Amino acid sequence: MHADADVCQDSLTYTAADDEPLSDAVIAALREAAGVTSDSDASADLQTVGVLTPLFETIDPDALNALFSPTYSGDTRTGSVTFTHDGYEVTVTAEGEVTVSSQ
């Protein structure tokens, strides 16, 4: 389990590390929520989540990463985006929090 992941009944909140792309944080959170463990190197295929549908079939990982990246002037962005992936409602915030809830 990720050091900053909290499981509360039917939801899990995962906080991305400072250098962790949001798409990787989403994959990690989905793996935690689904109970998927992997002995292989997770960086080998960053766009799949084990037994779950690949993330790119729901949302463009590069677009998700860019959505909350700093502006050209260096300002931070705000807001959140919510989408559904394999029966989970996933909310990602500009602060790097990923909440995964069962539907």
PDB file of N, CA and C in Angstrom:
ATOM      1  N   MET A   1       0.850  -1.176   0.000  1.00  0.00           N
ATOM      2  CA  MET A   1       0.000   0.000   0.000  1.00  0.00           C
ATOM      3  C   MET A   1       0.890   1.231   0.000  1.00  0.00           C
ATOM      4  N   HIS A   2       0.535   2.226  -0.769  1.00  0.00           N
ATOM      5  CA  HIS A   2       1.262   3.490  -0.844  1.00  0.00           C
ATOM      6  C   HIS A   2       1.193   4.184   0.503  1.00  0.00           C
ATOM      7  N   ALA A   3       2.261   4.839   0.884  1.00  0.00           N
ATOM      8  CA  ALA A   3       2.332   5.478   2.195  1.00  0.00           C
ATOM      9  C   ALA A   3       1.242   6.524   2.390  1.00  0.00           C
ATOM     10  N   ASP A   4       0.788   7.129   1.315  1.00  0.00           N
ATOM     11  CA  ASP A   4      -0.215   8.180   1.438  1.00  0.00           C
ATOM     12  C   ASP A   4      -1.574   7.744   0.901  1.00  0.00           C
ATOM     13  N   ALA A   5      -1.894   6.464   1.032  1.00  0.00           N
ATOM     14  CA  ALA A   5      -3.191   5.970   0.586  1.00  0.00           C
ATOM     15  C   ALA A   5      -4.020   5.622   1.811  1.00  0.00           C
ATOM     16  N   ASP A   6      -5.240   6.104   1.834  1.00  0.00           N
ATOM     17  CA  ASP A   6      -6.159   5.831   2.927  1.00  0.00           C
ATOM     18  C   ASP A   6      -7.394   5.153   2.366  1.00  0.00           C
ATOM     19  N   VAL A   7      -7.779   4.024   2.941  1.00  0.00           N
ATOM     20  CA  VAL A   7      -8.964   3.308   2.510  1.00  0.00           C
ATOM     21  C   VAL A   7     -10.071   3.568   3.518  1.00  0.00           C
ATOM     22  N   CYS A   8     -11.206   4.057   3.048  1.00  0.00           N
ATOM     23  CA  CYS A   8     -12.357   4.327   3.903  1.00  0.00           C
ATOM     24  C   CYS A   8     -13.577   3.684   3.261  1.00  0.00           C
ATOM     25  N   GLN A   9     -14.013   2.556   3.803  1.00  0.00           N
ATOM     26  CA  GLN A   9     -15.160   1.803   3.323  1.00  0.00           C
ATOM     27  C   GLN A   9     -15.050   1.566   1.821  1.00  0.00           C
ATOM     28  N   ASP A  10     -15.859   2.248   1.014  1.00  0.00           N
ATOM     29  CA  ASP A  10     -15.867   2.005  -0.425  1.00  0.00           C
ATOM     30  C   ASP A  10     -15.061   3.023  -1.209  1.00  0.00           C
ATOM     31  N   SER A  11     -14.201   3.790  -0.542  1.00  0.00           N
ATOM     32  CA  SER A  11     -13.383   4.748  -1.277  1.00  0.00           C
ATOM     33  C   SER A  11     -11.954   4.725  -0.773  1.00  0.00           C
ATOM     34  N   LEU A  12     -11.066   5.172  -1.604  1.00  0.00           N
ATOM     35  CA  LEU A  12      -9.650   5.227  -1.304  1.00  0.00           C
ATOM     36  C   LEU A  12      -9.133   6.578  -1.765  1.00  0.00           C
ATOM     37  N   THR A  13      -8.321   7.221  -0.954  1.00  0.00           N
ATOM     38  CA  THR A  13      -7.696   8.475  -1.362  1.00  0.00           C
ATOM     39  C   THR A  13      -6.190   8.268  -1.411  1.00  0.00           C
ATOM     40  N   TYR A  14      -5.599   8.611  -2.527  1.00  0.00           N
ATOM     41  CA  TYR A  14      -4.179   8.430  -2.789  1.00  0.00           C
ATOM     42  C   TYR A  14      -3.596   9.807  -3.083  1.00  0.00           C
ATOM     43  N   THR A  15      -2.494  10.139  -2.464  1.00  0.00           N
ATOM     44  CA  THR A  15      -1.839  11.421  -2.723  1.00  0.00           C
ATOM     45  C   THR A  15      -0.579  11.168  -3.529  1.00  0.00           C
ATOM     46  N   ALA A  16      -0.497  11.784  -4.691  1.00  0.00           N
ATOM     47  CA  ALA A  16       0.653  11.609  -5.573  1.00  0.00           C
ATOM     48  C   ALA A  16       1.892  12.240  -4.949  1.00  0.00           C
ATOM     49  N   ALA A  17       3.023  11.598  -5.152  1.00  0.00           N
ATOM     50  CA  ALA A  17       4.300  12.171  -4.740  1.00  0.00           C
ATOM     51  C   ALA A  17       4.578  13.393  -5.614  1.00  0.00           C
ATOM     52  N   ASP A  18       5.428  14.278  -5.137  1.00  0.00           N
ATOM     53  CA  ASP A  18       5.713  15.516  -5.872  1.00  0.00           C
ATOM     54  C   ASP A  18       6.185  15.271  -7.304  1.00  0.00           C
ATOM     55  N   ASP A  19       6.947  14.205  -7.516  1.00  0.00           N
ATOM     56  CA  ASP A  19       7.488  13.927  -8.848  1.00  0.00           C
ATOM     57  C   ASP A  19       6.700  12.850  -9.598  1.00  0.00           C
ATOM     58  N   GLU A  20       5.540  12.463  -9.079  1.00  0.00           N
ATOM     59  CA  GLU A  20       4.732  11.405  -9.680  1.00  0.00           C
ATOM     60  C   GLU A  20       3.683  12.004 -10.622  1.00  0.00           C
ATOM     61  N   PRO A  21       3.689  11.611 -11.894  1.00  0.00           N
ATOM     62  CA  PRO A  21       2.650  12.089 -12.813  1.00  0.00           C
ATOM     63  C   PRO A  21       1.270  11.658 -12.316  1.00  0.00           C
ATOM     64  N   LEU A  22       0.267  12.501 -12.536  1.00  0.00           N
ATOM     65  CA  LEU A  22      -1.081  12.177 -12.068  1.00  0.00           C
ATOM     66  C   LEU A  22      -1.605  10.880 -12.671  1.00  0.00           C
ATOM     67  N   SER A  23      -1.262  10.600 -13.919  1.00  0.00           N
ATOM     68  CA  SER A  23      -1.742   9.354 -14.522  1.00  0.00           C
ATOM     69  C   SER A  23      -1.164   8.143 -13.786  1.00  0.00           C
ATOM     70  N   ASP A  24       0.075   8.218 -13.333  1.00  0.00           N
ATOM     71  CA  ASP A  24       0.659   7.124 -12.547  1.00  0.00           C
ATOM     72  C   ASP A  24      -0.034   7.003 -11.196  1.00  0.00           C
ATOM     73  N   ALA A  25      -0.387   8.128 -10.603  1.00  0.00           N
ATOM     74  CA  ALA A  25      -1.099   8.120  -9.325  1.00  0.00           C
ATOM     75  C   ALA A  25      -2.475   7.484  -9.488  1.00  0.00           C
ATOM     76  N   VAL A  26      -3.152   7.764 -10.594  1.00  0.00           N
ATOM     77  CA  VAL A  26      -4.460   7.162 -10.857  1.00  0.00           C
ATOM     78  C   VAL A  26      -4.315   5.645 -10.982  1.00  0.00           C
ATOM     79  N   ILE A  27      -3.311   5.202 -11.723  1.00  0.00           N
ATOM     80  CA  ILE A  27      -3.079   3.765 -11.893  1.00  0.00           C
ATOM     81  C   ILE A  27      -2.801   3.113 -10.540  1.00  0.00           C
ATOM     82  N   ALA A  28      -1.970   3.740  -9.734  1.00  0.00           N
ATOM     83  CA  ALA A  28      -1.650   3.194  -8.414  1.00  0.00           C
ATOM     84  C   ALA A  28      -2.899   3.124  -7.533  1.00  0.00           C
ATOM     85  N   ALA A  29      -3.718   4.177  -7.574  1.00  0.00           N
ATOM     86  CA  ALA A  29      -4.939   4.210  -6.771  1.00  0.00           C
ATOM     87  C   ALA A  29      -5.924   3.134  -7.233  1.00  0.00           C
ATOM     88  N   LEU A  30      -6.068   2.966  -8.540  1.00  0.00           N
ATOM     89  CA  LEU A  30      -6.960   1.937  -9.066  1.00  0.00           C
ATOM     90  C   LEU A  30      -6.459   0.542  -8.672  1.00  0.00           C
ATOM     91  N   ARG A  31      -5.166   0.335  -8.734  1.00  0.00           N
ATOM     92  CA  ARG A  31      -4.607  -0.959  -8.320  1.00  0.00           C
ATOM     93  C   ARG A  31      -4.917  -1.228  -6.850  1.00  0.00           C
ATOM     94  N   GLU A  32      -4.733  -0.211  -6.021  1.00  0.00           N
ATOM     95  CA  GLU A  32      -5.033  -0.369  -4.587  1.00  0.00           C
ATOM     96  C   GLU A  32      -6.499  -0.695  -4.384  1.00  0.00           C
ATOM     97  N   ALA A  33      -7.378   0.048  -5.053  1.00  0.00           N
ATOM     98  CA  ALA A  33      -8.818  -0.152  -4.878  1.00  0.00           C
ATOM     99  C   ALA A  33      -9.251  -1.538  -5.339  1.00  0.00           C
ATOM    100  N   ALA A  34      -8.627  -2.034  -6.410  1.00  0.00           N
ATOM    101  CA  ALA A  34      -8.991  -3.345  -6.953  1.00  0.00           C
ATOM    102  C   ALA A  34      -8.243  -4.482  -6.274  1.00  0.00           C
ATOM    103  N   GLY A  35      -7.286  -4.146  -5.416  1.00  0.00           N
ATOM    104  CA  GLY A  35      -6.507  -5.180  -4.743  1.00  0.00           C
ATOM    105  C   GLY A  35      -5.519  -5.866  -5.655  1.00  0.00           C
ATOM    106  N   VAL A  36      -5.085  -5.178  -6.701  1.00  0.00           N
ATOM    107  CA  VAL A  36      -4.126  -5.746  -7.652  1.00  0.00           C
ATOM    108  C   VAL A  36      -2.725  -5.534  -7.122  1.00  0.00           C
ATOM    109  N   THR A  37      -1.958  -6.603  -7.031  1.00  0.00           N
ATOM    110  CA  THR A  37      -0.555  -6.496  -6.649  1.00  0.00           C
ATOM    111  C   THR A  37       0.282  -6.997  -7.802  1.00  0.00           C
ATOM    112  N   SER A  38       1.454  -6.451  -7.928  1.00  0.00           N
ATOM    113  CA  SER A  38       2.335  -6.839  -9.019  1.00  0.00           C
ATOM    114  C   SER A  38       3.751  -6.968  -8.504  1.00  0.00           C
ATOM    115  N   ASP A  39       4.371  -8.095  -8.802  1.00  0.00           N
ATOM    116  CA  ASP A  39       5.774  -8.280  -8.453  1.00  0.00           C
ATOM    117  C   ASP A  39       6.683  -7.704  -9.520  1.00  0.00           C
ATOM    118  N   SER A  40       6.127  -7.432 -10.693  1.00  0.00           N
ATOM    119  CA  SER A  40       6.933  -6.891 -11.773  1.00  0.00           C
ATOM    120  C   SER A  40       7.110  -5.391 -11.598  1.00  0.00           C
ATOM    121  N   ASP A  41       8.031  -4.842 -12.323  1.00  0.00           N
ATOM    122  CA  ASP A  41       8.320  -3.413 -12.267  1.00  0.00           C
ATOM    123  C   ASP A  41       7.125  -2.640 -12.813  1.00  0.00           C
ATOM    124  N   ALA A  42       6.500  -1.826 -11.988  1.00  0.00           N
ATOM    125  CA  ALA A  42       5.306  -1.064 -12.396  1.00  0.00           C
ATOM    126  C   ALA A  42       5.607  -0.106 -13.529  1.00  0.00           C
ATOM    127  N   SER A  43       6.852   0.349 -13.655  1.00  0.00           N
ATOM    128  CA  SER A  43       7.185   1.297 -14.717  1.00  0.00           C
ATOM    129  C   SER A  43       7.292   0.613 -16.073  1.00  0.00           C
ATOM    130  N   ALA A  44       7.275  -0.712 -16.107  1.00  0.00           N
ATOM    131  CA  ALA A  44       7.395  -1.425 -17.373  1.00  0.00           C
ATOM    132  C   ALA A  44       6.223  -1.119 -18.291  1.00  0.00           C
ATOM    133  N   ASP A  45       5.036  -0.949 -17.751  1.00  0.00           N
ATOM    134  CA  ASP A  45       3.867  -0.634 -18.559  1.00  0.00           C
ATOM    135  C   ASP A  45       2.970   0.280 -17.747  1.00  0.00           C
ATOM    136  N   LEU A  46       3.226   1.573 -17.829  1.00  0.00           N
ATOM    137  CA  LEU A  46       2.548   2.535 -16.976  1.00  0.00           C
ATOM    138  C   LEU A  46       1.101   2.798 -17.379  1.00  0.00           C
ATOM    139  N   GLN A  47       0.674   2.290 -18.509  1.00  0.00           N
ATOM    140  CA  GLN A  47      -0.671   2.610 -18.964  1.00  0.00           C
ATOM    141  C   GLN A  47      -1.655   1.475 -18.715  1.00  0.00           C
ATOM    142  N   THR A  48      -1.261   0.406 -18.051  1.00  0.00           N
ATOM    143  CA  THR A  48      -2.190  -0.666 -17.741  1.00  0.00           C
ATOM    144  C   THR A  48      -2.299  -0.827 -16.240  1.00  0.00           C
ATOM    145  N   VAL A  49      -3.383  -1.404 -15.798  1.00  0.00           N
ATOM    146  CA  VAL A  49      -3.596  -1.584 -14.368  1.00  0.00           C
ATOM    147  C   VAL A  49      -3.908  -3.040 -14.058  1.00  0.00           C
ATOM    148  N   GLY A  50      -3.046  -3.940 -14.489  1.00  0.00           N
ATOM    149  CA  GLY A  50      -3.219  -5.356 -14.184  1.00  0.00           C
ATOM    150  C   GLY A  50      -4.490  -5.906 -14.790  1.00  0.00           C
ATOM    151  N   VAL A  51      -5.430  -6.310 -13.954  1.00  0.00           N
ATOM    152  CA  VAL A  51      -6.670  -6.920 -14.425  1.00  0.00           C
ATOM    153  C   VAL A  51      -7.693  -5.881 -14.884  1.00  0.00           C
ATOM    154  N   LEU A  52      -7.424  -4.627 -14.681  1.00  0.00           N
ATOM    155  CA  LEU A  52      -8.347  -3.575 -15.097  1.00  0.00           C
ATOM    156  C   LEU A  52      -8.071  -3.159 -16.535  1.00  0.00           C
ATOM    157  N   THR A  53      -9.033  -2.490 -17.134  1.00  0.00           N
ATOM    158  CA  THR A  53      -8.880  -1.949 -18.472  1.00  0.00           C
ATOM    159  C   THR A  53      -7.750  -0.925 -18.477  1.00  0.00           C
ATOM    160  N   PRO A  54      -6.933  -0.888 -19.534  1.00  0.00           N
ATOM    161  CA  PRO A  54      -5.880   0.125 -19.602  1.00  0.00           C
ATOM    162  C   PRO A  54      -6.473   1.537 -19.445  1.00  0.00           C
ATOM    163  N   LEU A  55      -5.770   2.379 -18.710  1.00  0.00           N
ATOM    164  CA  LEU A  55      -6.258   3.725 -18.424  1.00  0.00           C
ATOM    165  C   LEU A  55      -6.534   4.519 -19.692  1.00  0.00           C
ATOM    166  N   PHE A  56      -5.693   4.362 -20.711  1.00  0.00           N
ATOM    167  CA  PHE A  56      -5.849   5.156 -21.931  1.00  0.00           C
ATOM    168  C   PHE A  56      -7.153   4.879 -22.665  1.00  0.00           C
ATOM    169  N   GLU A  57      -7.856   3.792 -22.312  1.00  0.00           N
ATOM    170  CA  GLU A  57      -9.154   3.525 -22.940  1.00  0.00           C
ATOM    171  C   GLU A  57     -10.259   4.381 -22.331  1.00  0.00           C
ATOM    172  N   THR A  58      -9.977   5.027 -21.199  1.00  0.00           N
ATOM    173  CA  THR A  58     -10.952   5.888 -20.540  1.00  0.00           C
ATOM    174  C   THR A  58     -10.570   7.352 -20.656  1.00  0.00           C
ATOM    175  N   ILE A  59      -9.298   7.648 -20.435  1.00  0.00           N
ATOM    176  CA  ILE A  59      -8.830   9.029 -20.428  1.00  0.00           C
ATOM    177  C   ILE A  59      -7.406   9.066 -20.963  1.00  0.00           C
ATOM    178  N   ASP A  60      -7.061  10.116 -21.673  1.00  0.00           N
ATOM    179  CA  ASP A  60      -5.707  10.267 -22.213  1.00  0.00           C
ATOM    180  C   ASP A  60      -4.756  10.611 -21.068  1.00  0.00           C
ATOM    181  N   PRO A  61      -3.841   9.713 -20.719  1.00  0.00           N
ATOM    182  CA  PRO A  61      -2.932   9.973 -19.595  1.00  0.00           C
ATOM    183  C   PRO A  61      -2.102  11.250 -19.761  1.00  0.00           C
ATOM    184  N   ASP A  62      -1.646  11.528 -20.980  1.00  0.00           N
ATOM    185  CA  ASP A  62      -0.863  12.746 -21.203  1.00  0.00           C
ATOM    186  C   ASP A  62      -1.713  14.001 -20.994  1.00  0.00           C
ATOM    187  N   ALA A  63      -2.961  13.953 -21.435  1.00  0.00           N
ATOM    188  CA  ALA A  63      -3.861  15.092 -21.230  1.00  0.00           C
ATOM    189  C   ALA A  63      -4.144  15.290 -19.745  1.00  0.00           C
ATOM    190  N   LEU A  64      -4.322  14.192 -19.008  1.00  0.00           N
ATOM    191  CA  LEU A  64      -4.548  14.287 -17.572  1.00  0.00           C
ATOM    192  C   LEU A  64      -3.338  14.921 -16.882  1.00  0.00           C
ATOM    193  N   ASN A  65      -2.148  14.495 -17.251  1.00  0.00           N
ATOM    194  CA  ASN A  65      -0.929  15.072 -16.673  1.00  0.00           C
ATOM    195  C   ASN A  65      -0.819  16.557 -16.990  1.00  0.00           C
ATOM    196  N   ALA A  66      -1.162  16.932 -18.221  1.00  0.00           N
ATOM    197  CA  ALA A  66      -1.049  18.327 -18.645  1.00  0.00           C
ATOM    198  C   ALA A  66      -2.132  19.217 -18.035  1.00  0.00           C
ATOM    199  N   LEU A  67      -3.280  18.635 -17.720  1.00  0.00           N
ATOM    200  CA  LEU A  67      -4.420  19.405 -17.218  1.00  0.00           C
ATOM    201  C   LEU A  67      -4.057  20.228 -15.989  1.00  0.00           C
ATOM    202  N   PHE A  68      -3.277  19.670 -15.095  1.00  0.00           N
ATOM    203  CA  PHE A  68      -2.946  20.366 -13.859  1.00  0.00           C
ATOM    204  C   PHE A  68      -1.472  20.759 -13.771  1.00  0.00           C
ATOM    205  N   SER A  69      -0.779  20.732 -14.891  1.00  0.00           N
ATOM    206  CA  SER A  69       0.616  21.180 -14.885  1.00  0.00           C
ATOM    207  C   SER A  69       0.646  22.699 -14.724  1.00  0.00           C
ATOM    208  N   PRO A  70       1.763  23.241 -14.239  1.00  0.00           N
ATOM    209  CA  PRO A  70       1.841  24.702 -14.076  1.00  0.00           C
ATOM    210  C   PRO A  70       1.606  25.431 -15.399  1.00  0.00           C
ATOM    211  N   THR A  71       1.080  26.633 -15.320  1.00  0.00           N
ATOM    212  CA  THR A  71       0.857  27.443 -16.512  1.00  0.00           C
ATOM    213  C   THR A  71       2.200  27.921 -17.055  1.00  0.00           C
ATOM    214  N   TYR A  72       2.186  28.510 -18.246  1.00  0.00           N
ATOM    215  CA  TYR A  72       3.425  29.029 -18.834  1.00  0.00           C
ATOM    216  C   TYR A  72       4.065  30.080 -17.951  1.00  0.00           C
ATOM    217  N   SER A  73       3.254  30.816 -17.200  1.00  0.00           N
ATOM    218  CA  SER A  73       3.803  31.842 -16.307  1.00  0.00           C
ATOM    219  C   SER A  73       4.259  31.251 -14.968  1.00  0.00           C
ATOM    220  N   GLY A  74       4.054  29.931 -14.786  1.00  0.00           N
ATOM    221  CA  GLY A  74       4.491  29.278 -13.565  1.00  0.00           C
ATOM    222  C   GLY A  74       3.432  29.186 -12.483  1.00  0.00           C
ATOM    223  N   ASP A  75       2.245  29.754 -12.741  1.00  0.00           N
ATOM    224  CA  ASP A  75       1.158  29.674 -11.760  1.00  0.00           C
ATOM    225  C   ASP A  75       0.652  28.238 -11.660  1.00  0.00           C
ATOM    226  N   THR A  76       0.170  27.877 -10.483  1.00  0.00           N
ATOM    227  CA  THR A  76      -0.415  26.552 -10.317  1.00  0.00           C
ATOM    228  C   THR A  76      -1.877  26.591 -10.744  1.00  0.00           C
ATOM    229  N   ARG A  77      -2.341  25.462 -11.201  1.00  0.00           N
ATOM    230  CA  ARG A  77      -3.737  25.346 -11.620  1.00  0.00           C
ATOM    231  C   ARG A  77      -4.571  24.826 -10.462  1.00  0.00           C
ATOM    232  N   THR A  78      -5.867  25.005 -10.566  1.00  0.00           N
ATOM    233  CA  THR A  78      -6.790  24.530  -9.548  1.00  0.00           C
ATOM    234  C   THR A  78      -7.867  23.686 -10.216  1.00  0.00           C
ATOM    235  N   GLY A  79      -8.662  23.018  -9.403  1.00  0.00           N
ATOM    236  CA  GLY A  79      -9.795  22.284  -9.938  1.00  0.00           C
ATOM    237  C   GLY A  79      -9.664  20.795  -9.771  1.00  0.00           C
ATOM    238  N   SER A  80     -10.604  20.098 -10.393  1.00  0.00           N
ATOM    239  CA  SER A  80     -10.609  18.638 -10.346  1.00  0.00           C
ATOM    240  C   SER A  80     -11.302  18.099 -11.593  1.00  0.00           C
ATOM    241  N   VAL A  81     -11.095  16.825 -11.835  1.00  0.00           N
ATOM    242  CA  VAL A  81     -11.762  16.134 -12.935  1.00  0.00           C
ATOM    243  C   VAL A  81     -12.226  14.784 -12.391  1.00  0.00           C
ATOM    244  N   THR A  82     -13.420  14.376 -12.796  1.00  0.00           N
ATOM    245  CA  THR A  82     -13.983  13.100 -12.356  1.00  0.00           C
ATOM    246  C   THR A  82     -14.370  12.291 -13.581  1.00  0.00           C
ATOM    247  N   PHE A  83     -14.032  11.008 -13.553  1.00  0.00           N
ATOM    248  CA  PHE A  83     -14.398  10.113 -14.643  1.00  0.00           C
ATOM    249  C   PHE A  83     -14.630   8.722 -14.060  1.00  0.00           C
ATOM    250  N   THR A  84     -15.227   7.851 -14.863  1.00  0.00           N
ATOM    251  CA  THR A  84     -15.504   6.490 -14.451  1.00  0.00           C
ATOM    252  C   THR A  84     -14.561   5.545 -15.182  1.00  0.00           C
ATOM    253  N   HIS A  85     -13.986   4.607 -14.426  1.00  0.00           N
ATOM    254  CA  HIS A  85     -13.088   3.617 -15.017  1.00  0.00           C
ATOM    255  C   HIS A  85     -13.346   2.267 -14.368  1.00  0.00           C
ATOM    256  N   ASP A  86     -13.784   1.294 -15.156  1.00  0.00           N
ATOM    257  CA  ASP A  86     -14.027  -0.078 -14.697  1.00  0.00           C
ATOM    258  C   ASP A  86     -14.875  -0.160 -13.425  1.00  0.00           C
ATOM    259  N   GLY A  87     -15.926   0.621 -13.376  1.00  0.00           N
ATOM    260  CA  GLY A  87     -16.825   0.559 -12.234  1.00  0.00           C
ATOM    261  C   GLY A  87     -16.393   1.393 -11.044  1.00  0.00           C
ATOM    262  N   TYR A  88     -15.340   2.158 -11.194  1.00  0.00           N
ATOM    263  CA  TYR A  88     -14.878   3.050 -10.140  1.00  0.00           C
ATOM    264  C   TYR A  88     -15.066   4.494 -10.592  1.00  0.00           C
ATOM    265  N   GLU A  89     -15.495   5.331  -9.660  1.00  0.00           N
ATOM    266  CA  GLU A  89     -15.523   6.765  -9.913  1.00  0.00           C
ATOM    267  C   GLU A  89     -14.185   7.313  -9.435  1.00  0.00           C
ATOM    268  N   VAL A  90     -13.465   7.977 -10.330  1.00  0.00           N
ATOM    269  CA  VAL A  90     -12.130   8.487 -10.034  1.00  0.00           C
ATOM    270  C   VAL A  90     -12.163  10.008 -10.093  1.00  0.00           C
ATOM    271  N   THR A  91     -11.736  10.651  -9.015  1.00  0.00           N
ATOM    272  CA  THR A  91     -11.630  12.106  -8.979  1.00  0.00           C
ATOM    273  C   THR A  91     -10.174  12.470  -8.745  1.00  0.00           C
ATOM    274  N   VAL A  92      -9.657  13.334  -9.605  1.00  0.00           N
ATOM    275  CA  VAL A  92      -8.272  13.790  -9.523  1.00  0.00           C
ATOM    276  C   VAL A  92      -8.289  15.295  -9.309  1.00  0.00           C
ATOM    277  N   THR A  93      -7.511  15.771  -8.330  1.00  0.00           N
ATOM    278  CA  THR A  93      -7.460  17.205  -8.061  1.00  0.00           C
ATOM    279  C   THR A  93      -6.118  17.786  -8.470  1.00  0.00           C
ATOM    280  N   ALA A  94      -6.096  19.086  -8.615  1.00  0.00           N
ATOM    281  CA  ALA A  94      -4.873  19.784  -8.957  1.00  0.00           C
ATOM    282  C   ALA A  94      -3.808  19.628  -7.872  1.00  0.00           C
ATOM    283  N   GLU A  95      -4.230  19.335  -6.655  1.00  0.00           N
ATOM    284  CA  GLU A  95      -3.296  19.164  -5.532  1.00  0.00           C
ATOM    285  C   GLU A  95      -2.654  17.770  -5.536  1.00  0.00           C
ATOM    286  N   GLY A  96      -3.056  16.906  -6.477  1.00  0.00           N
ATOM    287  CA  GLY A  96      -2.470  15.580  -6.581  1.00  0.00           C
ATOM    288  C   GLY A  96      -3.196  14.499  -5.801  1.00  0.00           C
ATOM    289  N   GLU A  97      -4.400  14.784  -5.347  1.00  0.00           N
ATOM    290  CA  GLU A  97      -5.190  13.759  -4.663  1.00  0.00           C
ATOM    291  C   GLU A  97      -6.035  12.993  -5.667  1.00  0.00           C
ATOM    292  N   VAL A  98      -6.017  11.683  -5.517  1.00  0.00           N
ATOM    293  CA  VAL A  98      -6.831  10.803  -6.359  1.00  0.00           C
ATOM    294  C   VAL A  98      -7.768  10.044  -5.430  1.00  0.00           C
ATOM    295  N   THR A  99      -9.060  10.187  -5.642  1.00  0.00           N
ATOM    296  CA  THR A  99     -10.046   9.450  -4.862  1.00  0.00           C
ATOM    297  C   THR A  99     -10.733   8.464  -5.779  1.00  0.00           C
ATOM    298  N   VAL A 100     -10.736   7.215  -5.349  1.00  0.00           N
ATOM    299  CA  VAL A 100     -11.363   6.139  -6.124  1.00  0.00           C
ATOM    300  C   VAL A 100     -12.488   5.577  -5.258  1.00  0.00           C
ATOM    301  N   SER A 101     -13.697   5.577  -5.816  1.00  0.00           N
ATOM    302  CA  SER A 101     -14.873   5.083  -5.106  1.00  0.00           C
ATOM    303  C   SER A 101     -15.565   4.018  -5.919  1.00  0.00           C
ATOM    304  N   SER A 102     -16.087   3.004  -5.249  1.00  0.00           N
ATOM    305  CA  SER A 102     -16.895   1.998  -5.928  1.00  0.00           C
ATOM    306  C   SER A 102     -18.204   2.643  -6.321  1.00  0.00           C
ATOM    307  N   GLN A 103     -18.729   2.238  -7.470  1.00  0.00           N
ATOM    308  CA  GLN A 103     -20.008   2.784  -7.920  1.00  0.00           C
ATOM    309  C   GLN A 103     -21.129   1.926  -7.457  1.00  0.00           C
TER     310      GLN A 103
END
